Amino acid sequence: MTDKKFAGRYTTDNQDDLVVFLIGMRVNKRLALHKWLPVFFAMPGMIRELYMNKDELGFLSMESYFGLRTTVMIQYWRSTEDLLAYARSEKHMAAWKNFNQKIGSNPSVGIYHETYKVKAGDYESIYGNMPPYGLGKALNVIPVEAHRASAKQRLGKNAAKTTSI
């Protein structure tokens, strides 16, 4: 993680389609460590693989959040084709098979994911005095100029493209 912060207001270039993928787990029975810990520990290896092969896999970036019972990772992907190809990859299929064999319908731990296809121009972001974060880690960060000052202006396929910083 970088400590570099962009002073002022910045946004992301929204000229490309992208996929937002939410994936996580919920601990339903806290004392069933033998059930949910293996699920929890299956993810770091896949995340390492994604970051090490970003361009090849179409993975852009992610953020993680941990609650008392529920975790969520917000991932950004280049396309649904890239995401689905990764879902069929060796490392992911091994983790999925392991989950189904050891957990199946056992209620000790739950898993979930949601996939959103987002068209170019149908998303926007704003960052003030922030390091690269969220979409700002996944896409080009550009300064907010007069024609991009409001969310309404940033939402649209006609927002002028400028050089990234």
N, C-alpha and C. Protein backbone atom coordinates (compact mmCIF):
# COMPACT_ATOMS: atom_id res chain seq x y z
N MET A 1 0.85 -1.18 0.00
CA MET A 1 0.00 0.00 0.00
C MET A 1 0.89 1.24 0.00
N THR A 2 0.52 2.18 -0.77
CA THR A 2 1.31 3.40 -0.89
C THR A 2 0.81 4.46 0.09
N ASP A 3 1.72 5.30 0.55
CA ASP A 3 1.35 6.43 1.40
C ASP A 3 1.14 7.68 0.58
N LYS A 4 1.35 7.60 -0.74
CA LYS A 4 1.20 8.75 -1.61
C LYS A 4 -0.27 9.20 -1.62
N LYS A 5 -0.45 10.48 -1.35
CA LYS A 5 -1.80 11.05 -1.38
C LYS A 5 -1.85 12.11 -2.46
N PHE A 6 -2.98 12.16 -3.14
CA PHE A 6 -3.19 13.19 -4.14
C PHE A 6 -3.87 14.37 -3.45
N ALA A 7 -3.20 15.51 -3.41
CA ALA A 7 -3.78 16.70 -2.79
C ALA A 7 -4.88 17.25 -3.70
N GLY A 8 -5.94 17.72 -3.09
CA GLY A 8 -7.04 18.29 -3.87
C GLY A 8 -8.06 17.24 -4.25
N ARG A 9 -8.87 17.57 -5.23
CA ARG A 9 -9.96 16.69 -5.66
C ARG A 9 -9.60 15.97 -6.95
N TYR A 10 -9.84 14.65 -6.94
CA TYR A 10 -9.56 13.81 -8.09
C TYR A 10 -10.73 12.89 -8.34
N THR A 11 -10.79 12.38 -9.54
CA THR A 11 -11.83 11.45 -9.93
C THR A 11 -11.18 10.37 -10.78
N THR A 12 -12.00 9.45 -11.28
CA THR A 12 -11.49 8.42 -12.17
C THR A 12 -12.07 8.60 -13.56
N ASP A 13 -11.30 8.19 -14.52
CA ASP A 13 -11.74 8.19 -15.90
C ASP A 13 -12.80 7.09 -16.04
N ASN A 14 -13.95 7.43 -16.59
CA ASN A 14 -15.01 6.42 -16.69
C ASN A 14 -15.33 6.07 -18.14
N GLN A 15 -14.31 5.96 -18.95
CA GLN A 15 -14.48 5.69 -20.38
C GLN A 15 -14.58 4.21 -20.73
N ASP A 16 -14.34 3.32 -19.78
CA ASP A 16 -14.36 1.89 -20.06
C ASP A 16 -15.42 1.18 -19.22
N ASP A 17 -15.99 0.11 -19.79
CA ASP A 17 -16.85 -0.77 -19.01
C ASP A 17 -15.99 -1.42 -17.93
N LEU A 18 -16.62 -1.85 -16.85
CA LEU A 18 -15.91 -2.59 -15.82
C LEU A 18 -16.90 -3.48 -15.09
N VAL A 19 -16.37 -4.36 -14.26
CA VAL A 19 -17.18 -5.26 -13.45
C VAL A 19 -16.81 -5.03 -11.99
N VAL A 20 -17.82 -4.88 -11.15
CA VAL A 20 -17.63 -4.79 -9.71
C VAL A 20 -18.12 -6.10 -9.12
N PHE A 21 -17.26 -6.75 -8.37
CA PHE A 21 -17.54 -8.07 -7.82
C PHE A 21 -17.39 -8.00 -6.32
N LEU A 22 -18.44 -8.30 -5.59
CA LEU A 22 -18.40 -8.36 -4.13
C LEU A 22 -18.39 -9.82 -3.72
N ILE A 23 -17.45 -10.17 -2.87
CA ILE A 23 -17.36 -11.56 -2.41
C ILE A 23 -17.02 -11.55 -0.93
N GLY A 24 -17.62 -12.47 -0.19
CA GLY A 24 -17.34 -12.50 1.23
C GLY A 24 -17.87 -13.73 1.91
N MET A 25 -17.74 -13.73 3.22
CA MET A 25 -18.22 -14.82 4.04
C MET A 25 -18.83 -14.28 5.32
N ARG A 26 -19.66 -15.11 5.94
CA ARG A 26 -20.28 -14.75 7.22
C ARG A 26 -20.10 -15.91 8.18
N VAL A 27 -19.58 -15.62 9.34
CA VAL A 27 -19.44 -16.62 10.39
C VAL A 27 -20.80 -16.73 11.07
N ASN A 28 -21.46 -17.85 10.92
CA ASN A 28 -22.78 -18.06 11.53
C ASN A 28 -22.68 -18.70 12.90
N LYS A 29 -21.65 -19.51 13.11
CA LYS A 29 -21.41 -20.16 14.40
C LYS A 29 -19.98 -19.87 14.80
N ARG A 30 -19.81 -18.90 15.69
CA ARG A 30 -18.46 -18.42 16.04
C ARG A 30 -17.55 -19.50 16.60
N LEU A 31 -18.11 -20.44 17.34
CA LEU A 31 -17.27 -21.47 17.96
C LEU A 31 -16.88 -22.58 16.98
N ALA A 32 -17.42 -22.58 15.80
CA ALA A 32 -17.09 -23.60 14.81
C ALA A 32 -15.87 -23.17 13.99
N LEU A 33 -14.79 -22.87 14.69
CA LEU A 33 -13.54 -22.42 14.05
C LEU A 33 -13.07 -23.39 12.97
N HIS A 34 -13.20 -24.67 13.23
CA HIS A 34 -12.73 -25.68 12.27
C HIS A 34 -13.51 -25.62 10.95
N LYS A 35 -14.65 -24.96 10.94
CA LYS A 35 -15.43 -24.82 9.71
C LYS A 35 -15.12 -23.51 8.99
N TRP A 36 -15.11 -22.40 9.71
CA TRP A 36 -14.98 -21.12 9.00
C TRP A 36 -13.54 -20.65 8.80
N LEU A 37 -12.60 -21.05 9.65
CA LEU A 37 -11.21 -20.62 9.45
C LEU A 37 -10.64 -21.10 8.12
N PRO A 38 -10.84 -22.35 7.71
CA PRO A 38 -10.33 -22.76 6.40
C PRO A 38 -10.92 -21.95 5.24
N VAL A 39 -12.17 -21.55 5.36
CA VAL A 39 -12.80 -20.71 4.33
C VAL A 39 -12.10 -19.36 4.30
N PHE A 40 -11.89 -18.78 5.47
CA PHE A 40 -11.22 -17.49 5.58
C PHE A 40 -9.81 -17.55 5.00
N PHE A 41 -9.07 -18.61 5.32
CA PHE A 41 -7.67 -18.71 4.89
C PHE A 41 -7.50 -19.17 3.45
N ALA A 42 -8.57 -19.54 2.78
CA ALA A 42 -8.48 -19.92 1.36
C ALA A 42 -8.27 -18.69 0.47
N MET A 43 -8.69 -17.52 0.93
CA MET A 43 -8.69 -16.34 0.08
C MET A 43 -7.32 -15.70 -0.14
N PRO A 44 -6.44 -15.58 0.85
CA PRO A 44 -5.16 -14.88 0.61
C PRO A 44 -4.35 -15.40 -0.56
N GLY A 45 -4.30 -16.70 -0.77
CA GLY A 45 -3.55 -17.25 -1.90
C GLY A 45 -4.13 -16.82 -3.23
N MET A 46 -5.45 -16.78 -3.31
CA MET A 46 -6.08 -16.33 -4.55
C MET A 46 -5.83 -14.83 -4.77
N ILE A 47 -5.88 -14.05 -3.72
CA ILE A 47 -5.63 -12.61 -3.84
C ILE A 47 -4.20 -12.36 -4.31
N ARG A 48 -3.25 -13.09 -3.74
CA ARG A 48 -1.85 -12.98 -4.19
C ARG A 48 -1.75 -13.29 -5.69
N GLU A 49 -2.40 -14.37 -6.09
CA GLU A 49 -2.36 -14.76 -7.50
C GLU A 49 -2.95 -13.66 -8.39
N LEU A 50 -4.06 -13.06 -7.96
CA LEU A 50 -4.68 -11.99 -8.73
C LEU A 50 -3.74 -10.80 -8.90
N TYR A 51 -3.14 -10.36 -7.81
CA TYR A 51 -2.25 -9.20 -7.88
C TYR A 51 -0.97 -9.50 -8.67
N MET A 52 -0.50 -10.73 -8.61
CA MET A 52 0.74 -11.08 -9.33
C MET A 52 0.50 -11.22 -10.84
N ASN A 53 -0.76 -11.42 -11.24
CA ASN A 53 -1.08 -11.66 -12.66
C ASN A 53 -2.21 -10.75 -13.13
N LYS A 54 -2.23 -9.52 -12.65
CA LYS A 54 -3.33 -8.60 -12.92
C LYS A 54 -3.65 -8.45 -14.41
N ASP A 55 -2.68 -8.09 -15.19
CA ASP A 55 -2.91 -7.83 -16.61
C ASP A 55 -3.44 -9.07 -17.33
N GLU A 56 -2.80 -10.19 -17.07
CA GLU A 56 -3.19 -11.45 -17.72
C GLU A 56 -4.61 -11.88 -17.33
N LEU A 57 -4.98 -11.66 -16.06
CA LEU A 57 -6.27 -12.14 -15.55
C LEU A 57 -7.41 -11.13 -15.73
N GLY A 58 -7.08 -9.87 -15.96
CA GLY A 58 -8.13 -8.85 -16.08
C GLY A 58 -8.60 -8.31 -14.74
N PHE A 59 -7.86 -8.63 -13.69
CA PHE A 59 -8.15 -8.13 -12.35
C PHE A 59 -7.57 -6.73 -12.24
N LEU A 60 -8.35 -5.78 -11.72
CA LEU A 60 -7.87 -4.40 -11.62
C LEU A 60 -7.40 -4.03 -10.22
N SER A 61 -8.22 -4.32 -9.20
CA SER A 61 -7.86 -3.96 -7.84
C SER A 61 -8.96 -4.44 -6.89
N MET A 62 -8.74 -4.23 -5.59
CA MET A 62 -9.77 -4.60 -4.61
C MET A 62 -9.56 -3.87 -3.29
N GLU A 63 -10.60 -3.88 -2.50
CA GLU A 63 -10.58 -3.38 -1.12
C GLU A 63 -11.23 -4.46 -0.25
N SER A 64 -10.78 -4.60 1.00
CA SER A 64 -11.34 -5.59 1.93
C SER A 64 -11.88 -4.91 3.17
N TYR A 65 -12.95 -5.48 3.70
CA TYR A 65 -13.57 -4.99 4.93
C TYR A 65 -13.90 -6.17 5.82
N PHE A 66 -13.63 -6.01 7.11
CA PHE A 66 -13.86 -7.08 8.07
C PHE A 66 -14.77 -6.57 9.18
N GLY A 67 -15.89 -7.26 9.37
CA GLY A 67 -16.80 -6.96 10.46
C GLY A 67 -16.69 -8.04 11.52
N LEU A 68 -17.56 -8.00 12.51
CA LEU A 68 -17.53 -9.00 13.57
C LEU A 68 -17.85 -10.40 13.04
N ARG A 69 -18.77 -10.48 12.08
CA ARG A 69 -19.16 -11.79 11.55
C ARG A 69 -19.02 -11.88 10.04
N THR A 70 -18.98 -10.76 9.37
CA THR A 70 -19.04 -10.76 7.92
C THR A 70 -17.83 -10.04 7.33
N THR A 71 -17.29 -10.62 6.27
CA THR A 71 -16.22 -9.97 5.51
C THR A 71 -16.76 -9.68 4.12
N VAL A 72 -16.16 -8.70 3.48
CA VAL A 72 -16.49 -8.43 2.08
C VAL A 72 -15.24 -7.90 1.39
N MET A 73 -15.05 -8.35 0.17
CA MET A 73 -14.02 -7.80 -0.70
C MET A 73 -14.75 -7.19 -1.89
N ILE A 74 -14.40 -5.97 -2.18
CA ILE A 74 -14.92 -5.31 -3.37
C ILE A 74 -13.82 -5.38 -4.40
N GLN A 75 -14.08 -6.12 -5.47
CA GLN A 75 -13.08 -6.30 -6.52
C GLN A 75 -13.54 -5.59 -7.78
N TYR A 76 -12.56 -5.11 -8.54
CA TYR A 76 -12.82 -4.47 -9.82
C TYR A 76 -12.14 -5.31 -10.90
N TRP A 77 -12.91 -5.62 -11.94
CA TRP A 77 -12.44 -6.47 -13.04
C TRP A 77 -12.65 -5.76 -14.36
N ARG A 78 -11.84 -6.12 -15.33
CA ARG A 78 -11.94 -5.57 -16.67
C ARG A 78 -13.22 -6.03 -17.38
N SER A 79 -13.63 -7.29 -17.16
CA SER A 79 -14.81 -7.81 -17.85
C SER A 79 -15.38 -9.01 -17.11
N THR A 80 -16.63 -9.35 -17.42
CA THR A 80 -17.21 -10.57 -16.84
C THR A 80 -16.50 -11.80 -17.38
N GLU A 81 -16.04 -11.74 -18.63
CA GLU A 81 -15.30 -12.88 -19.19
C GLU A 81 -14.05 -13.17 -18.37
N ASP A 82 -13.34 -12.12 -17.98
CA ASP A 82 -12.13 -12.30 -17.16
C ASP A 82 -12.49 -12.88 -15.79
N LEU A 83 -13.52 -12.36 -15.17
CA LEU A 83 -13.95 -12.83 -13.86
C LEU A 83 -14.36 -14.30 -13.94
N LEU A 84 -15.17 -14.65 -14.92
CA LEU A 84 -15.64 -16.03 -15.06
C LEU A 84 -14.49 -16.99 -15.41
N ALA A 85 -13.52 -16.51 -16.17
CA ALA A 85 -12.36 -17.34 -16.48
C ALA A 85 -11.58 -17.64 -15.19
N TYR A 86 -11.45 -16.63 -14.32
CA TYR A 86 -10.76 -16.87 -13.06
C TYR A 86 -11.54 -17.85 -12.19
N ALA A 87 -12.87 -17.75 -12.21
CA ALA A 87 -13.71 -18.66 -11.43
C ALA A 87 -13.46 -20.11 -11.84
N ARG A 88 -13.06 -20.34 -13.08
CA ARG A 88 -12.78 -21.69 -13.58
C ARG A 88 -11.30 -22.07 -13.46
N SER A 89 -10.50 -21.17 -12.88
CA SER A 89 -9.06 -21.44 -12.77
C SER A 89 -8.77 -22.52 -11.73
N GLU A 90 -7.59 -23.09 -11.83
CA GLU A 90 -7.20 -24.19 -10.95
C GLU A 90 -7.28 -23.84 -9.47
N LYS A 91 -6.70 -22.70 -9.09
CA LYS A 91 -6.67 -22.31 -7.67
C LYS A 91 -8.09 -22.08 -7.13
N HIS A 92 -8.92 -21.38 -7.90
CA HIS A 92 -10.27 -21.12 -7.43
C HIS A 92 -11.10 -22.41 -7.39
N MET A 93 -10.98 -23.24 -8.41
CA MET A 93 -11.76 -24.49 -8.44
C MET A 93 -11.37 -25.41 -7.28
N ALA A 94 -10.10 -25.44 -6.91
CA ALA A 94 -9.65 -26.25 -5.77
C ALA A 94 -10.28 -25.73 -4.48
N ALA A 95 -10.30 -24.41 -4.30
CA ALA A 95 -10.91 -23.83 -3.10
C ALA A 95 -12.41 -24.10 -3.07
N TRP A 96 -13.06 -23.98 -4.21
CA TRP A 96 -14.51 -24.21 -4.30
C TRP A 96 -14.85 -25.67 -4.01
N LYS A 97 -14.06 -26.59 -4.56
CA LYS A 97 -14.27 -28.02 -4.31
C LYS A 97 -14.08 -28.32 -2.83
N ASN A 98 -13.03 -27.78 -2.23
CA ASN A 98 -12.75 -27.97 -0.82
C ASN A 98 -13.91 -27.45 0.04
N PHE A 99 -14.41 -26.26 -0.30
CA PHE A 99 -15.55 -25.70 0.44
C PHE A 99 -16.75 -26.64 0.37
N ASN A 100 -17.07 -27.10 -0.81
CA ASN A 100 -18.24 -27.96 -0.98
C ASN A 100 -18.09 -29.31 -0.28
N GLN A 101 -16.87 -29.83 -0.24
CA GLN A 101 -16.63 -31.11 0.45
C GLN A 101 -16.69 -30.96 1.97
N LYS A 102 -16.09 -29.89 2.49
CA LYS A 102 -15.98 -29.74 3.94
C LYS A 102 -17.13 -28.97 4.58
N ILE A 103 -17.77 -28.08 3.82
CA ILE A 103 -18.84 -27.25 4.38
C ILE A 103 -20.18 -27.64 3.78
N GLY A 104 -20.25 -27.60 2.45
CA GLY A 104 -21.53 -27.92 1.80
C GLY A 104 -22.65 -27.07 2.35
N SER A 105 -23.65 -27.71 2.92
CA SER A 105 -24.79 -26.97 3.47
C SER A 105 -24.72 -26.83 4.98
N ASN A 106 -23.54 -27.05 5.57
CA ASN A 106 -23.37 -26.85 7.01
C ASN A 106 -23.58 -25.38 7.32
N PRO A 107 -24.44 -25.05 8.27
CA PRO A 107 -24.77 -23.64 8.54
C PRO A 107 -23.74 -22.86 9.35
N SER A 108 -22.57 -23.43 9.62
CA SER A 108 -21.57 -22.75 10.45
C SER A 108 -20.99 -21.51 9.77
N VAL A 109 -20.90 -21.55 8.44
CA VAL A 109 -20.31 -20.45 7.70
C VAL A 109 -21.09 -20.26 6.40
N GLY A 110 -21.26 -19.02 6.03
CA GLY A 110 -21.92 -18.71 4.77
C GLY A 110 -20.97 -17.96 3.85
N ILE A 111 -21.20 -18.08 2.56
CA ILE A 111 -20.42 -17.34 1.59
C ILE A 111 -21.38 -16.66 0.63
N TYR A 112 -20.91 -15.63 -0.03
CA TYR A 112 -21.76 -14.92 -0.99
C TYR A 112 -20.91 -14.19 -2.00
N HIS A 113 -21.52 -13.89 -3.12
CA HIS A 113 -20.92 -12.95 -4.06
C HIS A 113 -22.02 -12.30 -4.87
N GLU A 114 -21.70 -11.10 -5.35
CA GLU A 114 -22.59 -10.32 -6.22
C GLU A 114 -21.72 -9.76 -7.34
N THR A 115 -22.27 -9.75 -8.54
CA THR A 115 -21.53 -9.27 -9.71
C THR A 115 -22.33 -8.17 -10.39
N TYR A 116 -21.68 -7.06 -10.68
CA TYR A 116 -22.32 -5.93 -11.35
C TYR A 116 -21.52 -5.54 -12.57
N LYS A 117 -22.16 -5.57 -13.72
CA LYS A 117 -21.55 -5.08 -14.96
C LYS A 117 -21.89 -3.60 -15.05
N VAL A 118 -20.87 -2.77 -15.20
CA VAL A 118 -21.08 -1.32 -15.22
C VAL A 118 -20.55 -0.77 -16.54
N LYS A 119 -21.43 -0.11 -17.26
CA LYS A 119 -21.08 0.45 -18.57
C LYS A 119 -20.28 1.74 -18.41
N ALA A 120 -19.44 2.01 -19.38
CA ALA A 120 -18.68 3.26 -19.41
C ALA A 120 -19.64 4.43 -19.25
N GLY A 121 -19.26 5.39 -18.43
CA GLY A 121 -20.07 6.57 -18.21
C GLY A 121 -21.13 6.40 -17.13
N ASP A 122 -21.36 5.17 -16.69
CA ASP A 122 -22.40 4.92 -15.68
C ASP A 122 -21.85 4.77 -14.27
N TYR A 123 -20.65 5.27 -14.04
CA TYR A 123 -20.08 5.28 -12.70
C TYR A 123 -19.26 6.55 -12.54
N GLU A 124 -19.10 6.97 -11.32
CA GLU A 124 -18.29 8.15 -11.03
C GLU A 124 -17.67 7.99 -9.66
N SER A 125 -16.69 8.80 -9.39
CA SER A 125 -16.01 8.77 -8.10
C SER A 125 -15.46 10.15 -7.79
N ILE A 126 -15.20 10.36 -6.52
CA ILE A 126 -14.55 11.60 -6.10
C ILE A 126 -13.63 11.26 -4.93
N TYR A 127 -12.45 11.84 -4.93
CA TYR A 127 -11.48 11.64 -3.88
C TYR A 127 -10.91 13.00 -3.51
N GLY A 128 -10.87 13.30 -2.22
CA GLY A 128 -10.27 14.54 -1.75
C GLY A 128 -9.13 14.22 -0.81
N ASN A 129 -7.92 14.57 -1.21
CA ASN A 129 -6.73 14.36 -0.37
C ASN A 129 -6.58 12.91 0.06
N MET A 130 -6.75 12.00 -0.88
CA MET A 130 -6.73 10.56 -0.61
C MET A 130 -5.59 9.88 -1.37
N PRO A 131 -5.09 8.78 -0.80
CA PRO A 131 -4.20 7.93 -1.59
C PRO A 131 -5.07 7.15 -2.58
N PRO A 132 -4.47 6.47 -3.53
CA PRO A 132 -5.28 5.65 -4.44
C PRO A 132 -6.14 4.68 -3.64
N TYR A 133 -7.43 4.64 -3.94
CA TYR A 133 -8.38 3.85 -3.16
C TYR A 133 -9.57 3.46 -4.04
N GLY A 134 -10.09 2.27 -3.85
CA GLY A 134 -11.27 1.84 -4.59
C GLY A 134 -11.04 1.92 -6.09
N LEU A 135 -11.96 2.56 -6.79
CA LEU A 135 -11.80 2.75 -8.23
C LEU A 135 -10.54 3.52 -8.56
N GLY A 136 -10.11 4.39 -7.63
CA GLY A 136 -8.89 5.17 -7.83
C GLY A 136 -7.63 4.31 -7.85
N LYS A 137 -7.69 3.09 -7.31
CA LYS A 137 -6.58 2.14 -7.43
C LYS A 137 -6.72 1.32 -8.70
N ALA A 138 -7.95 1.14 -9.16
CA ALA A 138 -8.21 0.27 -10.31
C ALA A 138 -8.10 1.00 -11.64
N LEU A 139 -8.41 2.29 -11.66
CA LEU A 139 -8.48 3.05 -12.90
C LEU A 139 -7.56 4.26 -12.86
N ASN A 140 -7.46 4.97 -13.97
CA ASN A 140 -6.68 6.20 -14.01
C ASN A 140 -7.33 7.27 -13.14
N VAL A 141 -6.50 7.93 -12.36
CA VAL A 141 -6.95 9.04 -11.53
C VAL A 141 -6.67 10.33 -12.28
N ILE A 142 -7.66 11.21 -12.35
CA ILE A 142 -7.52 12.47 -13.07
C ILE A 142 -8.04 13.61 -12.20
N PRO A 143 -7.49 14.80 -12.38
CA PRO A 143 -7.95 15.95 -11.58
C PRO A 143 -9.40 16.30 -11.91
N VAL A 144 -10.09 16.82 -10.90
CA VAL A 144 -11.44 17.33 -11.13
C VAL A 144 -11.30 18.72 -11.73
N GLU A 145 -11.84 18.88 -12.92
CA GLU A 145 -11.84 20.18 -13.60
C GLU A 145 -13.26 20.70 -13.62
N ALA A 146 -13.45 21.91 -14.07
CA ALA A 146 -14.77 22.56 -14.04
C ALA A 146 -15.86 21.70 -14.68
N HIS A 147 -15.55 21.05 -15.79
CA HIS A 147 -16.57 20.25 -16.47
C HIS A 147 -16.83 18.90 -15.78
N ARG A 148 -16.10 18.62 -14.66
CA ARG A 148 -16.30 17.40 -13.88
C ARG A 148 -16.54 17.72 -12.41
N ALA A 149 -16.99 18.90 -12.10
CA ALA A 149 -17.09 19.34 -10.71
C ALA A 149 -18.17 18.62 -9.92
N SER A 150 -19.24 18.21 -10.56
CA SER A 150 -20.34 17.56 -9.84
C SER A 150 -20.45 16.09 -10.25
N ALA A 151 -21.11 15.32 -9.41
CA ALA A 151 -21.34 13.90 -9.73
C ALA A 151 -22.13 13.78 -11.02
N LYS A 152 -23.09 14.65 -11.21
CA LYS A 152 -23.90 14.61 -12.43
C LYS A 152 -23.03 14.80 -13.67
N GLN A 153 -22.07 15.70 -13.59
CA GLN A 153 -21.17 15.94 -14.72
C GLN A 153 -20.22 14.75 -14.95
N ARG A 154 -19.79 14.12 -13.87
CA ARG A 154 -18.88 12.98 -14.00
C ARG A 154 -19.60 11.74 -14.52
N LEU A 155 -20.90 11.66 -14.29
CA LEU A 155 -21.69 10.55 -14.80
C LEU A 155 -22.09 10.85 -16.23
N GLY A 156 -21.48 10.20 -17.14
CA GLY A 156 -21.82 10.42 -18.53
C GLY A 156 -20.68 10.06 -19.43
N LYS A 157 -21.01 9.57 -20.57
CA LYS A 157 -20.01 9.13 -21.52
C LYS A 157 -19.30 10.29 -22.19
N ASN A 158 -19.81 11.50 -22.01
CA ASN A 158 -19.21 12.64 -22.68
C ASN A 158 -18.22 13.39 -21.81
N ALA A 159 -17.96 12.89 -20.59
CA ALA A 159 -16.96 13.53 -19.74
C ALA A 159 -15.61 13.43 -20.46
N ALA A 160 -15.00 14.58 -20.71
CA ALA A 160 -13.75 14.61 -21.50
C ALA A 160 -12.65 13.82 -20.83
N LYS A 161 -11.94 13.06 -21.61
CA LYS A 161 -10.83 12.26 -21.13
C LYS A 161 -9.57 13.13 -21.10
N THR A 162 -8.83 13.04 -20.01
CA THR A 162 -7.57 13.77 -19.91
C THR A 162 -6.46 12.82 -19.50
N THR A 163 -5.27 13.33 -19.45
CA THR A 163 -4.11 12.53 -19.10
C THR A 163 -4.17 12.14 -17.62
N SER A 164 -3.81 10.90 -17.33
CA SER A 164 -3.80 10.45 -15.95
C SER A 164 -2.58 11.02 -15.23
N ILE A 165 -2.66 11.00 -13.89
CA ILE A 165 -1.53 11.49 -13.10
C ILE A 165 -0.79 10.34 -12.46
